[in-house]
């Protein structure tokens, strides 16, 4: 999924870009794998929405050019 920039332009020291969302089957495993490769998360995996049959989880990090990137996963509730 690709979202539009949340803000127009860039203030000094800030970077606003479209966010690229990667859907993954297991967000915790994906985050561990990326952390093992040196990725530092701005926000670790966390629930952002409670859907009827699942919870929507997201985690945010920045690429080498400081663009915001996200992992997302729908996790079924037991």
PDB file of N, CA and C in Angstrom:
ATOM      1  N   UNK A   1       0.856  -1.164   0.000  1.00  0.00           N
ATOM      2  CA  UNK A   1       0.000   0.000   0.000  1.00  0.00           C
ATOM      3  C   UNK A   1       0.903   1.228   0.000  1.00  0.00           C
ATOM      4  N   UNK A   2       0.470   2.273  -0.641  1.00  0.00           N
ATOM      5  CA  UNK A   2       1.220   3.526  -0.707  1.00  0.00           C
ATOM      6  C   UNK A   2       0.282   4.643  -0.294  1.00  0.00           C
ATOM      7  N   UNK A   3       0.711   5.466   0.644  1.00  0.00           N
ATOM      8  CA  UNK A   3      -0.128   6.590   1.076  1.00  0.00           C
ATOM      9  C   UNK A   3       0.491   7.900   0.614  1.00  0.00           C
ATOM     10  N   UNK A   4      -0.330   8.949   0.464  1.00  0.00           N
ATOM     11  CA  UNK A   4       0.230  10.251   0.094  1.00  0.00           C
ATOM     12  C   UNK A   4       0.969  10.865   1.289  1.00  0.00           C
ATOM     13  N   UNK A   5       1.848  11.832   1.038  1.00  0.00           N
ATOM     14  CA  UNK A   5       2.526  12.506   2.148  1.00  0.00           C
ATOM     15  C   UNK A   5       1.506  13.117   3.104  1.00  0.00           C
ATOM     16  N   UNK A   6       1.801  13.052   4.404  1.00  0.00           N
ATOM     17  CA  UNK A   6       0.892  13.612   5.396  1.00  0.00           C
ATOM     18  C   UNK A   6       0.949  15.129   5.438  1.00  0.00           C
ATOM     19  N   UNK A   7       2.056  15.699   4.969  1.00  0.00           N
ATOM     20  CA  UNK A   7       2.216  17.160   4.955  1.00  0.00           C
ATOM     21  C   UNK A   7       2.878  17.564   3.650  1.00  0.00           C
ATOM     22  N   UNK A   8       2.630  18.776   3.218  1.00  0.00           N
ATOM     23  CA  UNK A   8       3.278  19.302   2.021  1.00  0.00           C
ATOM     24  C   UNK A   8       4.591  19.984   2.405  1.00  0.00           C
ATOM     25  N   UNK A   9       5.576  19.862   1.555  1.00  0.00           N
ATOM     26  CA  UNK A   9       6.841  20.566   1.774  1.00  0.00           C
ATOM     27  C   UNK A   9       7.622  19.961   2.916  1.00  0.00           C
ATOM     28  N   UNK A  10       8.712  20.579   3.231  1.00  0.00           N
ATOM     29  CA  UNK A  10       9.558  20.103   4.327  1.00  0.00           C
ATOM     30  C   UNK A  10      10.153  21.290   5.062  1.00  0.00           C
ATOM     31  N   UNK A  11       9.998  21.283   6.355  1.00  0.00           N
ATOM     32  CA  UNK A  11      10.624  22.300   7.199  1.00  0.00           C
ATOM     33  C   UNK A  11      12.086  21.893   7.422  1.00  0.00           C
ATOM     34  N   UNK A  12      12.848  22.786   7.962  1.00  0.00           N
ATOM     35  CA  UNK A  12      14.263  22.511   8.214  1.00  0.00           C
ATOM     36  C   UNK A  12      14.416  21.244   9.047  1.00  0.00           C
ATOM     37  N   UNK A  13      15.203  20.298   8.534  1.00  0.00           N
ATOM     38  CA  UNK A  13      15.476  19.077   9.269  1.00  0.00           C
ATOM     39  C   UNK A  13      14.360  18.042   9.226  1.00  0.00           C
ATOM     40  N   UNK A  14      13.276  18.301   8.502  1.00  0.00           N
ATOM     41  CA  UNK A  14      12.174  17.346   8.430  1.00  0.00           C
ATOM     42  C   UNK A  14      12.073  16.798   7.017  1.00  0.00           C
ATOM     43  N   UNK A  15      11.509  15.604   6.925  1.00  0.00           N
ATOM     44  CA  UNK A  15      11.393  14.930   5.636  1.00  0.00           C
ATOM     45  C   UNK A  15      10.007  14.313   5.556  1.00  0.00           C
ATOM     46  N   UNK A  16       9.206  14.720   4.587  1.00  0.00           N
ATOM     47  CA  UNK A  16       7.855  14.201   4.421  1.00  0.00           C
ATOM     48  C   UNK A  16       7.768  13.482   3.084  1.00  0.00           C
ATOM     49  N   UNK A  17       7.373  12.236   3.132  1.00  0.00           N
ATOM     50  CA  UNK A  17       7.272  11.441   1.924  1.00  0.00           C
ATOM     51  C   UNK A  17       5.998  10.607   1.964  1.00  0.00           C
ATOM     52  N   UNK A  18       5.661  10.016   0.845  1.00  0.00           N
ATOM     53  CA  UNK A  18       4.616   9.008   0.850  1.00  0.00           C
ATOM     54  C   UNK A  18       5.137   7.829   1.663  1.00  0.00           C
ATOM     55  N   UNK A  19       4.249   7.165   2.369  1.00  0.00           N
ATOM     56  CA  UNK A  19       4.664   6.014   3.166  1.00  0.00           C
ATOM     57  C   UNK A  19       4.393   4.752   2.358  1.00  0.00           C
ATOM     58  N   UNK A  20       5.396   3.907   2.260  1.00  0.00           N
ATOM     59  CA  UNK A  20       5.266   2.623   1.595  1.00  0.00           C
ATOM     60  C   UNK A  20       4.991   1.580   2.676  1.00  0.00           C
ATOM     61  N   UNK A  21       3.848   0.907   2.565  1.00  0.00           N
ATOM     62  CA  UNK A  21       3.444  -0.108   3.544  1.00  0.00           C
ATOM     63  C   UNK A  21       3.668  -1.494   2.954  1.00  0.00           C
ATOM     64  N   UNK A  22       4.397  -2.341   3.680  1.00  0.00           N
ATOM     65  CA  UNK A  22       4.608  -3.725   3.273  1.00  0.00           C
ATOM     66  C   UNK A  22       3.741  -4.634   4.120  1.00  0.00           C
ATOM     67  N   UNK A  23       2.847  -5.386   3.483  1.00  0.00           N
ATOM     68  CA  UNK A  23       2.040  -6.362   4.190  1.00  0.00           C
ATOM     69  C   UNK A  23       2.864  -7.612   4.447  1.00  0.00           C
ATOM     70  N   UNK A  24       2.894  -8.058   5.691  1.00  0.00           N
ATOM     71  CA  UNK A  24       3.656  -9.253   6.069  1.00  0.00           C
ATOM     72  C   UNK A  24       2.746 -10.204   6.844  1.00  0.00           C
ATOM     73  N   UNK A  25       3.044 -11.491   6.777  1.00  0.00           N
ATOM     74  CA  UNK A  25       2.240 -12.481   7.481  1.00  0.00           C
ATOM     75  C   UNK A  25       2.472 -12.483   8.980  1.00  0.00           C
ATOM     76  N   UNK A  26       3.718 -12.261   9.393  1.00  0.00           N
ATOM     77  CA  UNK A  26       4.082 -12.271  10.818  1.00  0.00           C
ATOM     78  C   UNK A  26       4.919 -11.025  11.089  1.00  0.00           C
ATOM     79  N   UNK A  27       4.282  -9.998  11.606  1.00  0.00           N
ATOM     80  CA  UNK A  27       4.959  -8.708  11.798  1.00  0.00           C
ATOM     81  C   UNK A  27       6.072  -8.796  12.841  1.00  0.00           C
ATOM     82  N   UNK A  28       5.882  -9.612  13.870  1.00  0.00           N
ATOM     83  CA  UNK A  28       6.921  -9.735  14.899  1.00  0.00           C
ATOM     84  C   UNK A  28       8.179 -10.367  14.305  1.00  0.00           C
ATOM     85  N   UNK A  29       8.025 -11.431  13.522  1.00  0.00           N
ATOM     86  CA  UNK A  29       9.177 -12.090  12.893  1.00  0.00           C
ATOM     87  C   UNK A  29       9.843 -11.167  11.875  1.00  0.00           C
ATOM     88  N   UNK A  30       9.036 -10.436  11.105  1.00  0.00           N
ATOM     89  CA  UNK A  30       9.599  -9.514  10.113  1.00  0.00           C
ATOM     90  C   UNK A  30      10.403  -8.412  10.802  1.00  0.00           C
ATOM     91  N   UNK A  31       9.872  -7.875  11.890  1.00  0.00           N
ATOM     92  CA  UNK A  31      10.581  -6.822  12.627  1.00  0.00           C
ATOM     93  C   UNK A  31      11.889  -7.366  13.217  1.00  0.00           C
ATOM     94  N   UNK A  32      11.854  -8.565  13.790  1.00  0.00           N
ATOM     95  CA  UNK A  32      13.089  -9.167  14.335  1.00  0.00           C
ATOM     96  C   UNK A  32      14.127  -9.358  13.240  1.00  0.00           C
ATOM     97  N   UNK A  33      13.676  -9.823  12.072  1.00  0.00           N
ATOM     98  CA  UNK A  33      14.603 -10.034  10.961  1.00  0.00           C
ATOM     99  C   UNK A  33      15.257  -8.725  10.528  1.00  0.00           C
ATOM    100  N   UNK A  34      14.458  -7.670  10.413  1.00  0.00           N
ATOM    101  CA  UNK A  34      15.014  -6.367  10.024  1.00  0.00           C
ATOM    102  C   UNK A  34      15.934  -5.807  11.098  1.00  0.00           C
ATOM    103  N   UNK A  35      15.535  -5.942  12.368  1.00  0.00           N
ATOM    104  CA  UNK A  35      16.403  -5.471  13.458  1.00  0.00           C
ATOM    105  C   UNK A  35      17.737  -6.203  13.437  1.00  0.00           C
ATOM    106  N   UNK A  36      17.704  -7.486  13.116  1.00  0.00           N
ATOM    107  CA  UNK A  36      18.930  -8.274  13.025  1.00  0.00           C
ATOM    108  C   UNK A  36      19.854  -7.794  11.918  1.00  0.00           C
ATOM    109  N   UNK A  37      19.303  -7.044  10.987  1.00  0.00           N
ATOM    110  CA  UNK A  37      20.091  -6.474   9.886  1.00  0.00           C
ATOM    111  C   UNK A  37      20.415  -5.006  10.120  1.00  0.00           C
ATOM    112  N   UNK A  38      20.130  -4.521  11.343  1.00  0.00           N
ATOM    113  CA  UNK A  38      20.513  -3.159  11.697  1.00  0.00           C
ATOM    114  C   UNK A  38      19.432  -2.102  11.557  1.00  0.00           C
ATOM    115  N   UNK A  39      18.210  -2.500  11.201  1.00  0.00           N
ATOM    116  CA  UNK A  39      17.130  -1.519  11.082  1.00  0.00           C
ATOM    117  C   UNK A  39      16.704  -1.072  12.471  1.00  0.00           C
ATOM    118  N   UNK A  40      16.555   0.229  12.654  1.00  0.00           N
ATOM    119  CA  UNK A  40      16.071   0.799  13.920  1.00  0.00           C
ATOM    120  C   UNK A  40      14.655   1.305  13.684  1.00  0.00           C
ATOM    121  N   UNK A  41      13.732   0.845  14.483  1.00  0.00           N
ATOM    122  CA  UNK A  41      12.330   1.214  14.320  1.00  0.00           C
ATOM    123  C   UNK A  41      12.004   2.505  15.045  1.00  0.00           C
ATOM    124  N   UNK A  42      11.269   3.400  14.372  1.00  0.00           N
ATOM    125  CA  UNK A  42      10.726   4.596  15.018  1.00  0.00           C
ATOM    126  C   UNK A  42       9.604   4.171  15.959  1.00  0.00           C
ATOM    127  N   UNK A  43       8.806   3.197  15.517  1.00  0.00           N
ATOM    128  CA  UNK A  43       7.728   2.630  16.326  1.00  0.00           C
ATOM    129  C   UNK A  43       7.746   1.125  16.103  1.00  0.00           C
ATOM    130  N   UNK A  44       7.944   0.387  17.189  1.00  0.00           N
ATOM    131  CA  UNK A  44       7.940  -1.076  17.132  1.00  0.00           C
ATOM    132  C   UNK A  44       6.534  -1.562  16.776  1.00  0.00           C
ATOM    133  N   UNK A  45       6.391  -2.846  16.417  1.00  0.00           N
ATOM    134  CA  UNK A  45       5.060  -3.357  16.094  1.00  0.00           C
ATOM    135  C   UNK A  45       4.055  -3.084  17.215  1.00  0.00           C
ATOM    136  N   UNK A  46       2.897  -2.564  16.803  1.00  0.00           N
ATOM    137  CA  UNK A  46       1.845  -2.243  17.766  1.00  0.00           C
ATOM    138  C   UNK A  46       0.488  -2.256  17.061  1.00  0.00           C
ATOM    139  N   UNK A  47      -0.571  -2.431  17.826  1.00  0.00           N
ATOM    140  CA  UNK A  47      -1.925  -2.451  17.280  1.00  0.00           C
ATOM    141  C   UNK A  47      -2.358  -1.029  16.958  1.00  0.00           C
ATOM    142  N   UNK A  48      -2.858  -0.834  15.732  1.00  0.00           N
ATOM    143  CA  UNK A  48      -3.359   0.485  15.338  1.00  0.00           C
ATOM    144  C   UNK A  48      -4.871   0.494  15.156  1.00  0.00           C
ATOM    145  N   UNK A  49      -5.471  -0.697  14.987  1.00  0.00           N
ATOM    146  CA  UNK A  49      -6.936  -0.762  14.824  1.00  0.00           C
ATOM    147  C   UNK A  49      -7.419  -2.157  15.197  1.00  0.00           C
ATOM    148  N   UNK A  50      -8.577  -2.185  15.820  1.00  0.00           N
ATOM    149  CA  UNK A  50      -9.233  -3.455  16.139  1.00  0.00           C
ATOM    150  C   UNK A  50     -10.350  -3.657  15.120  1.00  0.00           C
ATOM    151  N   UNK A  51     -10.135  -4.605  14.217  1.00  0.00           N
ATOM    152  CA  UNK A  51     -11.102  -4.917  13.178  1.00  0.00           C
ATOM    153  C   UNK A  51     -12.033  -6.019  13.689  1.00  0.00           C
ATOM    154  N   UNK A  52     -13.142  -6.293  13.009  1.00  0.00           N
ATOM    155  CA  UNK A  52     -14.087  -7.305  13.496  1.00  0.00           C
ATOM    156  C   UNK A  52     -13.455  -8.672  13.781  1.00  0.00           C
ATOM    157  N   UNK A  53     -12.584  -9.150  12.909  1.00  0.00           N
ATOM    158  CA  UNK A  53     -12.023 -10.489  13.088  1.00  0.00           C
ATOM    159  C   UNK A  53     -10.526 -10.502  13.371  1.00  0.00           C
ATOM    160  N   UNK A  54      -9.894  -9.343  13.362  1.00  0.00           N
ATOM    161  CA  UNK A  54      -8.441  -9.295  13.522  1.00  0.00           C
ATOM    162  C   UNK A  54      -8.008  -7.937  14.058  1.00  0.00           C
ATOM    163  N   UNK A  55      -6.761  -7.879  14.507  1.00  0.00           N
ATOM    164  CA  UNK A  55      -6.142  -6.617  14.905  1.00  0.00           C
ATOM    165  C   UNK A  55      -5.176  -6.212  13.798  1.00  0.00           C
ATOM    166  N   UNK A  56      -5.169  -4.932  13.450  1.00  0.00           N
ATOM    167  CA  UNK A  56      -4.234  -4.416  12.461  1.00  0.00           C
ATOM    168  C   UNK A  56      -3.007  -3.896  13.199  1.00  0.00           C
ATOM    169  N   UNK A  57      -1.877  -4.498  12.901  1.00  0.00           N
ATOM    170  CA  UNK A  57      -0.603  -4.126  13.513  1.00  0.00           C
ATOM    171  C   UNK A  57       0.239  -3.369  12.498  1.00  0.00           C
ATOM    172  N   UNK A  58       1.009  -2.403  12.989  1.00  0.00           N
ATOM    173  CA  UNK A  58       1.966  -1.685  12.139  1.00  0.00           C
ATOM    174  C   UNK A  58       3.252  -1.424  12.911  1.00  0.00           C
ATOM    175  N   UNK A  59       4.322  -1.248  12.159  1.00  0.00           N
ATOM    176  CA  UNK A  59       5.627  -0.873  12.699  1.00  0.00           C
ATOM    177  C   UNK A  59       6.249   0.078  11.685  1.00  0.00           C
ATOM    178  N   UNK A  60       6.952   1.099  12.170  1.00  0.00           N
ATOM    179  CA  UNK A  60       7.491   2.131  11.276  1.00  0.00           C
ATOM    180  C   UNK A  60       9.009   2.263  11.443  1.00  0.00           C
ATOM    181  N   UNK A  61       9.689   2.430  10.310  1.00  0.00           N
ATOM    182  CA  UNK A  61      11.133   2.646  10.309  1.00  0.00           C
ATOM    183  C   UNK A  61      11.474   3.528   9.116  1.00  0.00           C
ATOM    184  N   UNK A  62      12.726   3.921   9.007  1.00  0.00           N
ATOM    185  CA  UNK A  62      13.159   4.796   7.908  1.00  0.00           C
ATOM    186  C   UNK A  62      14.193   4.076   7.051  1.00  0.00           C
ATOM    187  N   UNK A  63      14.098   4.321   5.748  1.00  0.00           N
ATOM    188  CA  UNK A  63      15.084   3.748   4.832  1.00  0.00           C
ATOM    189  C   UNK A  63      16.351   4.605   4.888  1.00  0.00           C
ATOM    190  N   UNK A  64      17.397   4.223   4.166  1.00  0.00           N
ATOM    191  CA  UNK A  64      18.651   4.995   4.221  1.00  0.00           C
ATOM    192  C   UNK A  64      18.510   6.468   3.830  1.00  0.00           C
ATOM    193  N   UNK A  65      17.466   6.817   3.064  1.00  0.00           N
ATOM    194  CA  UNK A  65      17.235   8.211   2.683  1.00  0.00           C
ATOM    195  C   UNK A  65      16.272   8.912   3.629  1.00  0.00           C
ATOM    196  N   UNK A  66      15.955   8.277   4.744  1.00  0.00           N
ATOM    197  CA  UNK A  66      15.059   8.796   5.789  1.00  0.00           C
ATOM    198  C   UNK A  66      13.591   8.842   5.373  1.00  0.00           C
ATOM    199  N   UNK A  67      13.214   8.085   4.338  1.00  0.00           N
ATOM    200  CA  UNK A  67      11.803   7.958   3.974  1.00  0.00           C
ATOM    201  C   UNK A  67      11.131   7.022   4.967  1.00  0.00           C
ATOM    202  N   UNK A  68       9.923   7.352   5.369  1.00  0.00           N
ATOM    203  CA  UNK A  68       9.181   6.526   6.309  1.00  0.00           C
ATOM    204  C   UNK A  68       8.622   5.303   5.590  1.00  0.00           C
ATOM    205  N   UNK A  69       8.835   4.135   6.182  1.00  0.00           N
ATOM    206  CA  UNK A  69       8.389   2.856   5.645  1.00  0.00           C
ATOM    207  C   UNK A  69       7.668   2.127   6.770  1.00  0.00           C
ATOM    208  N   UNK A  70       6.674   1.303   6.415  1.00  0.00           N
ATOM    209  CA  UNK A  70       5.923   0.597   7.443  1.00  0.00           C
ATOM    210  C   UNK A  70       5.727  -0.865   7.085  1.00  0.00           C
ATOM    211  N   UNK A  71       5.661  -1.676   8.133  1.00  0.00           N
ATOM    212  CA  UNK A  71       5.197  -3.048   8.016  1.00  0.00           C
ATOM    213  C   UNK A  71       3.767  -3.050   8.514  1.00  0.00           C
ATOM    214  N   UNK A  72       2.909  -3.878   7.919  1.00  0.00           N
ATOM    215  CA  UNK A  72       1.534  -3.992   8.412  1.00  0.00           C
ATOM    216  C   UNK A  72       1.105  -5.447   8.323  1.00  0.00           C
ATOM    217  N   UNK A  73       0.259  -5.850   9.292  1.00  0.00           N
ATOM    218  CA  UNK A  73      -0.206  -7.224   9.329  1.00  0.00           C
ATOM    219  C   UNK A  73      -1.534  -7.291  10.055  1.00  0.00           C
ATOM    220  N   UNK A  74      -2.458  -8.060   9.503  1.00  0.00           N
ATOM    221  CA  UNK A  74      -3.709  -8.334  10.203  1.00  0.00           C
ATOM    222  C   UNK A  74      -3.517  -9.622  10.981  1.00  0.00           C
ATOM    223  N   UNK A  75      -3.704  -9.544  12.289  1.00  0.00           N
ATOM    224  CA  UNK A  75      -3.490 -10.693  13.164  1.00  0.00           C
ATOM    225  C   UNK A  75      -4.835 -11.117  13.728  1.00  0.00           C
ATOM    226  N   UNK A  76      -5.258 -12.351  13.386  1.00  0.00           N
ATOM    227  CA  UNK A  76      -6.544 -12.864  13.846  1.00  0.00           C
ATOM    228  C   UNK A  76      -6.546 -12.972  15.374  1.00  0.00           C
ATOM    229  N   UNK A  77      -7.678 -12.615  15.951  1.00  0.00           N
ATOM    230  CA  UNK A  77      -7.824 -12.754  17.401  1.00  0.00           C
ATOM    231  C   UNK A  77      -8.338 -14.149  17.717  1.00  0.00           C
ATOM    232  N   UNK A  78      -7.871 -14.698  18.808  1.00  0.00           N
ATOM    233  CA  UNK A  78      -8.295 -16.046  19.223  1.00  0.00           C
ATOM    234  C   UNK A  78      -9.684 -16.010  19.845  1.00  0.00           C
TER     235      UNK A  78
END
